[in-house]
């Protein structure tokens, strides 16, 4: 499955990763790579919890990235 992850660096230099499709699914790391890895682990735990409680799993996303030259 694919989920959108938004990674932003906070005022302390920590990279915070948020998964909009999964409310409350937020992680962080000292680097972008660490933040991304931690977010993947958080997503897996979140989905396992949804399964355990027989709650619906949000659909996988499909998106494209386009570059515009100005």
PDB file of N, CA and C in Angstrom:
ATOM      1  N   UNK A   1       0.834  -1.180   0.000  1.00  0.00           N
ATOM      2  CA  UNK A   1       0.000   0.000   0.000  1.00  0.00           C
ATOM      3  C   UNK A   1       0.881   1.245   0.000  1.00  0.00           C
ATOM      4  N   UNK A   2       0.343   2.311  -0.529  1.00  0.00           N
ATOM      5  CA  UNK A   2       1.069   3.576  -0.573  1.00  0.00           C
ATOM      6  C   UNK A   2       0.305   4.635   0.210  1.00  0.00           C
ATOM      7  N   UNK A   3       1.044   5.386   1.022  1.00  0.00           N
ATOM      8  CA  UNK A   3       0.470   6.485   1.781  1.00  0.00           C
ATOM      9  C   UNK A   3       1.334   7.712   1.600  1.00  0.00           C
ATOM     10  N   UNK A   4       0.716   8.862   1.534  1.00  0.00           N
ATOM     11  CA  UNK A   4       1.443  10.126   1.446  1.00  0.00           C
ATOM     12  C   UNK A   4       2.024  10.436   2.818  1.00  0.00           C
ATOM     13  N   UNK A   5       3.303  10.801   2.846  1.00  0.00           N
ATOM     14  CA  UNK A   5       3.972  11.199   4.081  1.00  0.00           C
ATOM     15  C   UNK A   5       4.507  12.611   3.865  1.00  0.00           C
ATOM     16  N   UNK A   6       4.172  13.489   4.780  1.00  0.00           N
ATOM     17  CA  UNK A   6       4.674  14.861   4.722  1.00  0.00           C
ATOM     18  C   UNK A   6       5.781  14.980   5.765  1.00  0.00           C
ATOM     19  N   UNK A   7       6.979  15.350   5.319  1.00  0.00           N
ATOM     20  CA  UNK A   7       8.115  15.490   6.223  1.00  0.00           C
ATOM     21  C   UNK A   7       8.540  16.949   6.259  1.00  0.00           C
ATOM     22  N   UNK A   8       8.577  17.500   7.464  1.00  0.00           N
ATOM     23  CA  UNK A   8       9.003  18.883   7.665  1.00  0.00           C
ATOM     24  C   UNK A   8      10.018  18.925   8.802  1.00  0.00           C
ATOM     25  N   UNK A   9      10.959  19.816   8.699  1.00  0.00           N
ATOM     26  CA  UNK A   9      11.946  19.988   9.753  1.00  0.00           C
ATOM     27  C   UNK A   9      11.437  21.040  10.737  1.00  0.00           C
ATOM     28  N   UNK A  10      11.434  20.703  12.031  1.00  0.00           N
ATOM     29  CA  UNK A  10      10.941  21.664  13.012  1.00  0.00           C
ATOM     30  C   UNK A  10      12.040  22.633  13.447  1.00  0.00           C
ATOM     31  N   UNK A  11      11.689  23.530  14.359  1.00  0.00           N
ATOM     32  CA  UNK A  11      12.629  24.572  14.779  1.00  0.00           C
ATOM     33  C   UNK A  11      13.862  24.032  15.500  1.00  0.00           C
ATOM     34  N   UNK A  12      13.793  22.795  15.996  1.00  0.00           N
ATOM     35  CA  UNK A  12      14.938  22.175  16.668  1.00  0.00           C
ATOM     36  C   UNK A  12      15.786  21.331  15.725  1.00  0.00           C
ATOM     37  N   UNK A  13      15.408  21.297  14.436  1.00  0.00           N
ATOM     38  CA  UNK A  13      16.158  20.516  13.461  1.00  0.00           C
ATOM     39  C   UNK A  13      15.709  19.079  13.328  1.00  0.00           C
ATOM     40  N   UNK A  14      14.662  18.685  14.063  1.00  0.00           N
ATOM     41  CA  UNK A  14      14.131  17.325  14.001  1.00  0.00           C
ATOM     42  C   UNK A  14      13.191  17.223  12.800  1.00  0.00           C
ATOM     43  N   UNK A  15      13.258  16.108  12.090  1.00  0.00           N
ATOM     44  CA  UNK A  15      12.377  15.882  10.944  1.00  0.00           C
ATOM     45  C   UNK A  15      11.114  15.165  11.427  1.00  0.00           C
ATOM     46  N   UNK A  16       9.971  15.787  11.206  1.00  0.00           N
ATOM     47  CA  UNK A  16       8.688  15.257  11.645  1.00  0.00           C
ATOM     48  C   UNK A  16       7.921  14.749  10.433  1.00  0.00           C
ATOM     49  N   UNK A  17       7.467  13.508  10.521  1.00  0.00           N
ATOM     50  CA  UNK A  17       6.725  12.886   9.422  1.00  0.00           C
ATOM     51  C   UNK A  17       5.279  12.669   9.846  1.00  0.00           C
ATOM     52  N   UNK A  18       4.352  13.114   9.001  1.00  0.00           N
ATOM     53  CA  UNK A  18       2.929  12.965   9.278  1.00  0.00           C
ATOM     54  C   UNK A  18       2.274  12.227   8.117  1.00  0.00           C
ATOM     55  N   UNK A  19       1.314  11.354   8.452  1.00  0.00           N
ATOM     56  CA  UNK A  19       0.586  10.588   7.439  1.00  0.00           C
ATOM     57  C   UNK A  19      -0.861  11.076   7.451  1.00  0.00           C
ATOM     58  N   UNK A  20      -1.225  11.989   6.534  1.00  0.00           N
ATOM     59  CA  UNK A  20      -2.563  12.598   6.562  1.00  0.00           C
ATOM     60  C   UNK A  20      -3.726  11.604   6.519  1.00  0.00           C
ATOM     61  N   UNK A  21      -3.573  10.492   5.821  1.00  0.00           N
ATOM     62  CA  UNK A  21      -4.665   9.530   5.689  1.00  0.00           C
ATOM     63  C   UNK A  21      -4.902   8.732   6.971  1.00  0.00           C
ATOM     64  N   UNK A  22      -3.928   8.787   7.900  1.00  0.00           N
ATOM     65  CA  UNK A  22      -4.036   8.045   9.145  1.00  0.00           C
ATOM     66  C   UNK A  22      -3.950   9.033  10.315  1.00  0.00           C
ATOM     67  N   UNK A  23      -5.085   9.559  10.772  1.00  0.00           N
ATOM     68  CA  UNK A  23      -5.075  10.584  11.814  1.00  0.00           C
ATOM     69  C   UNK A  23      -4.258  10.164  13.037  1.00  0.00           C
ATOM     70  N   UNK A  24      -3.369  11.050  13.448  1.00  0.00           N
ATOM     71  CA  UNK A  24      -2.536  10.781  14.612  1.00  0.00           C
ATOM     72  C   UNK A  24      -1.290   9.978  14.323  1.00  0.00           C
ATOM     73  N   UNK A  25      -1.090   9.572  13.084  1.00  0.00           N
ATOM     74  CA  UNK A  25       0.097   8.794  12.715  1.00  0.00           C
ATOM     75  C   UNK A  25       1.219   9.771  12.380  1.00  0.00           C
ATOM     76  N   UNK A  26       2.038  10.037  13.394  1.00  0.00           N
ATOM     77  CA  UNK A  26       3.127  10.998  13.276  1.00  0.00           C
ATOM     78  C   UNK A  26       4.383  10.354  13.838  1.00  0.00           C
ATOM     79  N   UNK A  27       5.512  10.628  13.211  1.00  0.00           N
ATOM     80  CA  UNK A  27       6.779  10.100  13.673  1.00  0.00           C
ATOM     81  C   UNK A  27       7.842  11.164  13.474  1.00  0.00           C
ATOM     82  N   UNK A  28       9.060  10.878  13.908  1.00  0.00           N
ATOM     83  CA  UNK A  28      10.135  11.842  13.736  1.00  0.00           C
ATOM     84  C   UNK A  28      11.472  11.137  13.674  1.00  0.00           C
ATOM     85  N   UNK A  29      12.508  11.890  13.335  1.00  0.00           N
ATOM     86  CA  UNK A  29      13.857  11.352  13.279  1.00  0.00           C
ATOM     87  C   UNK A  29      14.865  12.479  13.189  1.00  0.00           C
ATOM     88  N   UNK A  30      16.124  12.145  13.427  1.00  0.00           N
ATOM     89  CA  UNK A  30      17.196  13.141  13.358  1.00  0.00           C
ATOM     90  C   UNK A  30      17.521  13.520  11.920  1.00  0.00           C
ATOM     91  N   UNK A  31      17.207  12.611  10.963  1.00  0.00           N
ATOM     92  CA  UNK A  31      17.426  12.862   9.538  1.00  0.00           C
ATOM     93  C   UNK A  31      16.134  12.563   8.785  1.00  0.00           C
ATOM     94  N   UNK A  32      16.073  13.021   7.523  1.00  0.00           N
ATOM     95  CA  UNK A  32      14.887  12.695   6.697  1.00  0.00           C
ATOM     96  C   UNK A  32      14.742  11.187   6.557  1.00  0.00           C
ATOM     97  N   UNK A  33      15.872  10.502   6.329  1.00  0.00           N
ATOM     98  CA  UNK A  33      15.833   9.048   6.143  1.00  0.00           C
ATOM     99  C   UNK A  33      15.323   8.343   7.401  1.00  0.00           C
ATOM    100  N   UNK A  34      15.802   8.779   8.554  1.00  0.00           N
ATOM    101  CA  UNK A  34      15.362   8.171   9.814  1.00  0.00           C
ATOM    102  C   UNK A  34      13.883   8.451  10.047  1.00  0.00           C
ATOM    103  N   UNK A  35      13.459   9.664   9.750  1.00  0.00           N
ATOM    104  CA  UNK A  35      12.058  10.031   9.889  1.00  0.00           C
ATOM    105  C   UNK A  35      11.175   9.174   8.985  1.00  0.00           C
ATOM    106  N   UNK A  36      11.617   8.968   7.756  1.00  0.00           N
ATOM    107  CA  UNK A  36      10.870   8.151   6.805  1.00  0.00           C
ATOM    108  C   UNK A  36      10.778   6.703   7.285  1.00  0.00           C
ATOM    109  N   UNK A  37      11.884   6.144   7.763  1.00  0.00           N
ATOM    110  CA  UNK A  37      11.883   4.764   8.258  1.00  0.00           C
ATOM    111  C   UNK A  37      10.953   4.635   9.466  1.00  0.00           C
ATOM    112  N   UNK A  38      11.025   5.591  10.374  1.00  0.00           N
ATOM    113  CA  UNK A  38      10.157   5.563  11.554  1.00  0.00           C
ATOM    114  C   UNK A  38       8.692   5.699  11.156  1.00  0.00           C
ATOM    115  N   UNK A  39       8.412   6.500  10.124  1.00  0.00           N
ATOM    116  CA  UNK A  39       7.036   6.652   9.648  1.00  0.00           C
ATOM    117  C   UNK A  39       6.512   5.343   9.067  1.00  0.00           C
ATOM    118  N   UNK A  40       7.355   4.616   8.346  1.00  0.00           N
ATOM    119  CA  UNK A  40       6.940   3.321   7.801  1.00  0.00           C
ATOM    120  C   UNK A  40       6.573   2.358   8.922  1.00  0.00           C
ATOM    121  N   UNK A  41       7.382   2.354   9.985  1.00  0.00           N
ATOM    122  CA  UNK A  41       7.091   1.495  11.131  1.00  0.00           C
ATOM    123  C   UNK A  41       5.796   1.922  11.813  1.00  0.00           C
ATOM    124  N   UNK A  42       5.574   3.228  11.928  1.00  0.00           N
ATOM    125  CA  UNK A  42       4.343   3.741  12.535  1.00  0.00           C
ATOM    126  C   UNK A  42       3.121   3.371  11.696  1.00  0.00           C
ATOM    127  N   UNK A  43       3.263   3.440  10.374  1.00  0.00           N
ATOM    128  CA  UNK A  43       2.155   3.059   9.485  1.00  0.00           C
ATOM    129  C   UNK A  43       1.811   1.592   9.675  1.00  0.00           C
ATOM    130  N   UNK A  44       2.816   0.741   9.704  1.00  0.00           N
ATOM    131  CA  UNK A  44       2.563  -0.694   9.902  1.00  0.00           C
ATOM    132  C   UNK A  44       1.849  -0.956  11.221  1.00  0.00           C
ATOM    133  N   UNK A  45       2.290  -0.303  12.294  1.00  0.00           N
ATOM    134  CA  UNK A  45       1.645  -0.476  13.597  1.00  0.00           C
ATOM    135  C   UNK A  45       0.207   0.035  13.561  1.00  0.00           C
ATOM    136  N   UNK A  46      -0.014   1.159  12.906  1.00  0.00           N
ATOM    137  CA  UNK A  46      -1.344   1.750  12.790  1.00  0.00           C
ATOM    138  C   UNK A  46      -2.287   0.792  12.054  1.00  0.00           C
ATOM    139  N   UNK A  47      -1.804   0.252  10.925  1.00  0.00           N
ATOM    140  CA  UNK A  47      -2.635  -0.665  10.140  1.00  0.00           C
ATOM    141  C   UNK A  47      -2.929  -1.944  10.905  1.00  0.00           C
ATOM    142  N   UNK A  48      -1.956  -2.448  11.659  1.00  0.00           N
ATOM    143  CA  UNK A  48      -2.181  -3.647  12.478  1.00  0.00           C
ATOM    144  C   UNK A  48      -3.265  -3.376  13.517  1.00  0.00           C
ATOM    145  N   UNK A  49      -3.246  -2.186  14.108  1.00  0.00           N
ATOM    146  CA  UNK A  49      -4.263  -1.822  15.090  1.00  0.00           C
ATOM    147  C   UNK A  49      -5.647  -1.749  14.447  1.00  0.00           C
ATOM    148  N   UNK A  50      -5.715  -1.173  13.236  1.00  0.00           N
ATOM    149  CA  UNK A  50      -6.998  -1.124  12.529  1.00  0.00           C
ATOM    150  C   UNK A  50      -7.533  -2.530  12.281  1.00  0.00           C
ATOM    151  N   UNK A  51      -6.660  -3.424  11.821  1.00  0.00           N
ATOM    152  CA  UNK A  51      -7.071  -4.817  11.560  1.00  0.00           C
ATOM    153  C   UNK A  51      -7.568  -5.477  12.839  1.00  0.00           C
ATOM    154  N   UNK A  52      -6.815  -5.308  13.926  1.00  0.00           N
ATOM    155  CA  UNK A  52      -7.144  -5.928  15.209  1.00  0.00           C
ATOM    156  C   UNK A  52      -8.514  -5.490  15.703  1.00  0.00           C
ATOM    157  N   UNK A  53      -8.869  -4.231  15.440  1.00  0.00           N
ATOM    158  CA  UNK A  53     -10.142  -3.697  15.902  1.00  0.00           C
ATOM    159  C   UNK A  53     -11.228  -3.724  14.818  1.00  0.00           C
ATOM    160  N   UNK A  54     -10.963  -4.462  13.745  1.00  0.00           N
ATOM    161  CA  UNK A  54     -11.920  -4.605  12.637  1.00  0.00           C
ATOM    162  C   UNK A  54     -12.395  -3.257  12.104  1.00  0.00           C
ATOM    163  N   UNK A  55     -11.468  -2.313  11.996  1.00  0.00           N
ATOM    164  CA  UNK A  55     -11.786  -0.998  11.446  1.00  0.00           C
ATOM    165  C   UNK A  55     -11.303  -0.936   9.996  1.00  0.00           C
ATOM    166  N   UNK A  56     -11.943  -0.123   9.163  1.00  0.00           N
ATOM    167  CA  UNK A  56     -11.559  -0.050   7.749  1.00  0.00           C
ATOM    168  C   UNK A  56     -10.163   0.549   7.561  1.00  0.00           C
ATOM    169  N   UNK A  57      -9.462   0.026   6.585  1.00  0.00           N
ATOM    170  CA  UNK A  57      -8.140   0.532   6.224  1.00  0.00           C
ATOM    171  C   UNK A  57      -8.321   1.508   5.063  1.00  0.00           C
ATOM    172  N   UNK A  58      -7.789   2.728   5.190  1.00  0.00           N
ATOM    173  CA  UNK A  58      -7.920   3.702   4.099  1.00  0.00           C
ATOM    174  C   UNK A  58      -7.291   3.158   2.815  1.00  0.00           C
ATOM    175  N   UNK A  59      -7.844   3.548   1.672  1.00  0.00           N
ATOM    176  CA  UNK A  59      -7.297   3.050   0.404  1.00  0.00           C
ATOM    177  C   UNK A  59      -5.899   3.604   0.131  1.00  0.00           C
ATOM    178  N   UNK A  60      -5.159   2.841  -0.624  1.00  0.00           N
ATOM    179  CA  UNK A  60      -3.836   3.258  -1.086  1.00  0.00           C
ATOM    180  C   UNK A  60      -3.992   4.451  -2.019  1.00  0.00           C
ATOM    181  N   UNK A  61      -2.995   5.336  -2.031  1.00  0.00           N
ATOM    182  CA  UNK A  61      -3.085   6.509  -2.897  1.00  0.00           C
ATOM    183  C   UNK A  61      -2.406   6.253  -4.241  1.00  0.00           C
ATOM    184  N   UNK A  62      -2.800   7.036  -5.196  1.00  0.00           N
ATOM    185  CA  UNK A  62      -2.162   7.040  -6.512  1.00  0.00           C
ATOM    186  C   UNK A  62      -1.967   8.509  -6.863  1.00  0.00           C
ATOM    187  N   UNK A  63      -0.730   8.901  -7.043  1.00  0.00           N
ATOM    188  CA  UNK A  63      -0.490  10.299  -7.378  1.00  0.00           C
ATOM    189  C   UNK A  63       0.680  10.413  -8.332  1.00  0.00           C
ATOM    190  N   UNK A  64       0.739  11.550  -8.965  1.00  0.00           N
ATOM    191  CA  UNK A  64       1.810  11.850  -9.901  1.00  0.00           C
ATOM    192  C   UNK A  64       2.481  13.137  -9.465  1.00  0.00           C
ATOM    193  N   UNK A  65       3.736  13.260  -9.774  1.00  0.00           N
ATOM    194  CA  UNK A  65       4.466  14.492  -9.522  1.00  0.00           C
ATOM    195  C   UNK A  65       4.863  15.057 -10.884  1.00  0.00           C
ATOM    196  N   UNK A  66       4.539  16.317 -11.085  1.00  0.00           N
ATOM    197  CA  UNK A  66       4.879  16.949 -12.353  1.00  0.00           C
ATOM    198  C   UNK A  66       5.846  18.106 -12.081  1.00  0.00           C
ATOM    199  N   UNK A  67       6.711  18.337 -13.020  1.00  0.00           N
ATOM    200  CA  UNK A  67       7.641  19.457 -12.926  1.00  0.00           C
ATOM    201  C   UNK A  67       7.248  20.488 -13.954  1.00  0.00           C
ATOM    202  N   UNK A  68       7.168  21.725 -13.524  1.00  0.00           N
ATOM    203  CA  UNK A  68       6.819  22.817 -14.424  1.00  0.00           C
ATOM    204  C   UNK A  68       8.025  23.739 -14.544  1.00  0.00           C
ATOM    205  N   UNK A  69       8.430  23.984 -15.765  1.00  0.00           N
ATOM    206  CA  UNK A  69       9.585  24.866 -16.009  1.00  0.00           C
ATOM    207  C   UNK A  69       9.072  26.262 -16.267  1.00  0.00           C
ATOM    208  N   UNK A  70       9.657  27.219 -15.576  1.00  0.00           N
ATOM    209  CA  UNK A  70       9.219  28.612 -15.748  1.00  0.00           C
ATOM    210  C   UNK A  70      10.370  29.420 -16.307  1.00  0.00           C
TER     211      UNK A  70
END
